[in-house]
Amino acid sequence: MRLKRPFEYNIKPNEVDKGNHWLTVDLKNVSTDVMTQLDIQLHSLDSYFINVYGSGSYVSNLEQNETRSIPFQIAAHGSSNIYVTITGYRDGVYFYWETPMEKIRVRAEVAEIKNLFVLTHPYTSIGKTIEVEAIIKAITGGKTLELSFWVDTRTGTFEKIADIKTKILEKDEEVRYSTEFIPKETGIHEIYAYLYDGTTLLGRKNNTIYAQS
């Protein structure tokens, strides 16, 4: 059980096969207060990879040291992060609570994007060359994959920076691939990396910089 007061909690299992599954949230009240009218919801950070069915679960009362197990059904297509939120009343006072992100891994995936870095400070200048780097980790390995970099600008222009074909990755191998681009306008630039196995999207990451004149 993990602890973030006023609850101890556990989300299980943390690894599933592709398809429809049930996840269980074990929730224990470790405070001295009575929790009432609890609206408990499971959220996916990326519904393309993990979609949570339903609109949540309602618990009318959770006494001190009482534990409840709440089931949620998901459709799993790829590994992603999930988290739980709770709203309700703690000793008669309304409160909001959420867990940190929890990674749910989907078995039999080929690879994933571990991180995406923009190798500069959060601020950069128009006309300055920026390096973008993605770290890919092979899970089953044995394939050549496609890595695509894009940038979304303040004015709404979504442009491809580069397409990169990876080498054949070995199981559990980590590799780095980078590309460069030059900001052409001021404002926020959102950088995206997409990893594909053929036409199947395996993962995506994003990062942000601000370009100034």
Protein backbone atom coordinates (compact mmCIF):
# COMPACT_ATOMS: atom_id res chain seq x y z
CA MET A 1 0.00 0.00 0.00
CA ARG A 2 1.20 3.51 -0.81
CA LEU A 3 0.49 6.43 1.49
CA LYS A 4 -0.74 9.91 0.66
CA ARG A 5 -2.74 11.17 3.60
CA PRO A 6 -5.53 10.83 4.44
CA PHE A 7 -5.50 7.54 2.46
CA GLU A 8 -3.42 4.45 1.97
CA TYR A 9 -4.03 3.14 -1.50
CA ASN A 10 -3.03 0.47 -3.98
CA ILE A 11 -3.82 0.14 -7.70
CA LYS A 12 -3.56 -3.42 -9.01
CA PRO A 13 -2.50 -5.05 -11.21
CA ASN A 14 0.17 -2.76 -12.68
CA GLU A 15 0.77 -5.01 -15.70
CA VAL A 16 -1.86 -6.37 -18.09
CA ASP A 17 -2.21 -7.84 -21.58
CA LYS A 18 -3.85 -5.90 -24.39
CA GLY A 19 -7.63 -5.88 -24.24
CA ASN A 20 -10.31 -5.29 -21.61
CA HIS A 21 -9.38 -5.76 -17.95
CA TRP A 22 -10.39 -4.82 -14.42
CA LEU A 23 -8.17 -2.69 -12.19
CA THR A 24 -8.84 -2.52 -8.46
CA VAL A 25 -8.23 0.51 -6.26
CA ASP A 26 -7.79 -0.47 -2.61
CA LEU A 27 -8.48 2.56 -0.44
CA LYS A 28 -7.99 2.81 3.35
CA ASN A 29 -8.94 5.78 5.52
CA VAL A 30 -5.86 6.36 7.74
CA SER A 31 -7.14 9.61 9.24
CA THR A 32 -9.20 10.13 12.39
CA ASP A 33 -12.02 11.65 10.34
CA VAL A 34 -15.09 10.05 8.81
CA MET A 35 -15.15 10.33 5.00
CA THR A 36 -18.58 10.69 3.38
CA GLN A 37 -20.10 11.11 -0.09
CA LEU A 38 -16.90 10.01 -1.84
CA ASP A 39 -16.80 10.24 -5.64
CA ILE A 40 -13.87 8.01 -6.65
CA GLN A 41 -12.62 8.18 -10.22
CA LEU A 42 -9.83 6.54 -12.19
CA HIS A 43 -8.27 8.68 -14.93
CA SER A 44 -5.98 7.84 -17.83
CA LEU A 45 -3.33 10.32 -18.88
CA ASP A 46 -3.69 9.10 -22.46
CA SER A 47 -7.00 7.48 -23.38
CA TYR A 48 -5.57 6.25 -26.70
CA PHE A 49 -3.47 3.73 -24.77
CA ILE A 50 -5.65 3.13 -21.70
CA ASN A 51 -9.33 3.99 -21.74
CA VAL A 52 -11.29 3.92 -18.46
CA TYR A 53 -14.94 2.89 -18.77
CA GLY A 54 -17.69 4.40 -16.66
CA SER A 55 -18.06 7.61 -14.69
CA GLY A 56 -16.53 6.54 -11.38
CA SER A 57 -17.74 4.95 -8.16
CA TYR A 58 -19.64 6.31 -5.17
CA VAL A 59 -18.87 5.41 -1.54
CA SER A 60 -21.31 6.88 0.95
CA ASN A 61 -19.18 6.36 4.06
CA LEU A 62 -15.58 5.37 4.89
CA GLU A 63 -14.81 5.05 8.59
CA GLN A 64 -11.40 5.36 10.26
CA ASN A 65 -9.19 2.35 9.33
CA GLU A 66 -11.86 1.03 6.97
CA THR A 67 -10.72 -0.29 3.56
CA ARG A 68 -12.77 -0.48 0.38
CA SER A 69 -11.85 -2.15 -2.90
CA ILE A 70 -13.25 -0.33 -5.94
CA PRO A 71 -13.14 -2.01 -9.39
CA PHE A 72 -12.69 -0.11 -12.67
CA GLN A 73 -12.82 -1.57 -16.16
CA ILE A 74 -10.26 -0.45 -18.73
CA ALA A 75 -9.39 -1.08 -22.36
CA ALA A 76 -5.62 -1.43 -22.65
CA HIS A 77 -3.90 -0.80 -25.97
CA GLY A 78 -0.50 0.38 -24.70
CA SER A 79 1.37 1.36 -21.57
CA SER A 80 0.32 4.65 -19.98
CA ASN A 81 -0.05 6.50 -16.69
CA ILE A 82 -3.20 6.54 -14.60
CA TYR A 83 -4.23 8.28 -11.38
CA VAL A 84 -7.14 8.33 -8.93
CA THR A 85 -9.12 11.36 -7.76
CA ILE A 86 -11.52 11.60 -4.83
CA THR A 87 -13.94 14.35 -3.92
CA GLY A 88 -16.18 14.27 -0.88
CA TYR A 89 -16.50 15.40 2.70
CA ARG A 90 -13.94 14.91 5.47
CA ASP A 91 -15.56 15.42 8.86
CA GLY A 92 -18.16 17.55 7.07
CA VAL A 93 -15.68 19.67 5.10
CA TYR A 94 -15.46 19.33 1.31
CA PHE A 95 -12.07 18.13 -0.01
CA TYR A 96 -10.28 17.06 -3.19
CA TRP A 97 -7.51 14.43 -3.31
CA GLU A 98 -5.52 12.69 -6.03
CA THR A 99 -2.77 10.09 -6.28
CA PRO A 100 0.55 10.54 -8.08
CA MET A 101 0.80 9.00 -11.54
CA GLU A 102 0.96 5.20 -11.66
CA LYS A 103 2.36 3.38 -14.72
CA ILE A 104 0.27 0.54 -16.11
CA ARG A 105 2.40 -1.58 -18.42
CA VAL A 106 0.87 -3.52 -21.28
CA ARG A 107 2.69 -6.77 -21.99
CA ALA A 108 3.98 -7.71 -25.46
CA GLU A 109 4.74 -4.12 -26.46
CA VAL A 110 7.68 -3.71 -28.78
CA ALA A 111 9.14 -0.49 -27.34
CA GLU A 112 8.32 2.80 -25.63
CA ILE A 113 9.51 6.40 -25.52
CA LYS A 114 11.02 6.86 -22.06
CA ASN A 115 11.79 10.57 -22.31
CA LEU A 116 11.84 13.54 -24.65
CA PHE A 117 14.31 16.35 -24.01
CA VAL A 118 14.75 19.78 -25.55
CA LEU A 119 18.45 20.37 -24.97
CA THR A 120 18.25 24.02 -24.06
CA HIS A 121 16.91 26.19 -21.26
CA PRO A 122 13.12 26.67 -21.07
CA TYR A 123 13.71 29.88 -23.04
CA THR A 124 15.48 30.19 -26.36
CA SER A 125 15.82 32.74 -29.19
CA ILE A 126 14.32 32.95 -32.65
CA GLY A 127 16.85 31.71 -35.20
CA LYS A 128 18.82 29.62 -32.71
CA THR A 129 19.24 25.92 -33.53
CA ILE A 130 17.63 23.67 -30.92
CA GLU A 131 18.44 19.99 -30.41
CA VAL A 132 15.64 17.59 -29.48
CA GLU A 133 16.42 14.12 -28.12
CA ALA A 134 14.19 11.09 -27.51
CA ILE A 135 15.17 8.04 -25.47
CA ILE A 136 13.61 4.80 -26.68
CA LYS A 137 13.55 1.58 -24.69
CA ALA A 138 12.92 -1.73 -26.41
CA ILE A 139 10.66 -4.13 -24.51
CA THR A 140 10.44 -7.22 -26.71
CA GLY A 141 12.88 -5.87 -29.31
CA GLY A 142 13.65 -7.39 -32.69
CA LYS A 143 12.18 -4.66 -34.88
CA THR A 144 13.05 -1.49 -36.72
CA LEU A 145 10.74 1.33 -35.66
CA GLU A 146 9.85 4.82 -36.91
CA LEU A 147 10.36 7.92 -34.75
CA SER A 148 8.66 11.14 -35.81
CA PHE A 149 9.32 14.63 -34.36
CA TRP A 150 6.81 17.49 -34.68
CA VAL A 151 6.46 21.05 -33.39
CA ASP A 152 3.25 22.95 -32.59
CA THR A 153 3.73 26.74 -32.54
CA ARG A 154 1.85 29.61 -30.93
CA THR A 155 0.09 30.44 -34.20
CA GLY A 156 -1.22 26.88 -34.53
CA THR A 157 1.18 25.63 -37.18
CA PHE A 158 1.90 21.90 -36.68
CA GLU A 159 5.04 21.00 -38.61
CA LYS A 160 7.08 17.86 -38.94
CA ILE A 161 10.71 18.28 -37.86
CA ALA A 162 12.08 14.86 -38.82
CA ASP A 163 11.36 11.18 -39.45
CA ILE A 164 13.95 8.73 -38.16
CA LYS A 165 14.10 4.97 -38.75
CA THR A 166 15.70 3.20 -35.81
CA LYS A 167 18.11 0.30 -35.93
CA ILE A 168 16.86 -3.17 -35.00
CA LEU A 169 16.51 -2.95 -31.23
CA GLU A 170 17.50 -5.70 -28.82
CA LYS A 171 15.30 -6.58 -25.86
CA ASP A 172 15.66 -4.02 -22.99
CA GLU A 173 18.07 -1.90 -25.07
CA GLU A 174 17.92 1.88 -24.68
CA VAL A 175 18.88 4.15 -27.56
CA ARG A 176 18.90 7.91 -28.13
CA TYR A 177 17.89 9.68 -31.30
CA SER A 178 18.04 13.43 -31.84
CA THR A 179 17.18 16.06 -34.42
CA GLU A 180 17.39 19.84 -34.73
CA PHE A 181 15.02 22.65 -35.56
CA ILE A 182 15.08 26.46 -35.59
CA PRO A 183 12.21 28.44 -34.01
CA LYS A 184 10.85 31.02 -36.46
CA GLU A 185 8.38 32.90 -34.28
CA THR A 186 8.01 34.06 -30.70
CA GLY A 187 5.91 32.22 -28.17
CA ILE A 188 5.41 28.71 -26.86
CA HIS A 189 6.61 25.78 -28.97
CA GLU A 190 5.29 22.34 -28.04
CA ILE A 191 7.61 19.55 -29.22
CA TYR A 192 6.20 16.05 -29.85
CA ALA A 193 7.81 12.68 -30.49
CA TYR A 194 5.77 9.74 -31.84
CA LEU A 195 7.02 6.16 -32.00
CA TYR A 196 5.48 3.76 -34.53
CA ASP A 197 5.70 0.08 -35.36
CA GLY A 198 4.46 0.30 -38.94
CA THR A 199 1.10 2.06 -38.59
CA THR A 200 0.72 1.18 -34.89
CA LEU A 201 1.40 4.02 -32.47
CA LEU A 202 3.58 2.71 -29.60
CA GLY A 203 4.03 5.91 -27.63
CA ARG A 204 4.29 9.67 -27.60
CA LYS A 205 5.91 12.33 -25.45
CA ASN A 206 5.92 16.12 -25.48
CA ASN A 207 7.99 18.97 -24.11
CA THR A 208 7.73 22.77 -24.19
CA ILE A 209 10.05 25.71 -24.84
CA TYR A 210 9.46 29.43 -25.23
CA ALA A 211 11.10 31.30 -28.10
CA GLN A 212 11.75 35.03 -27.69
CA SER A 213 13.12 37.65 -30.05
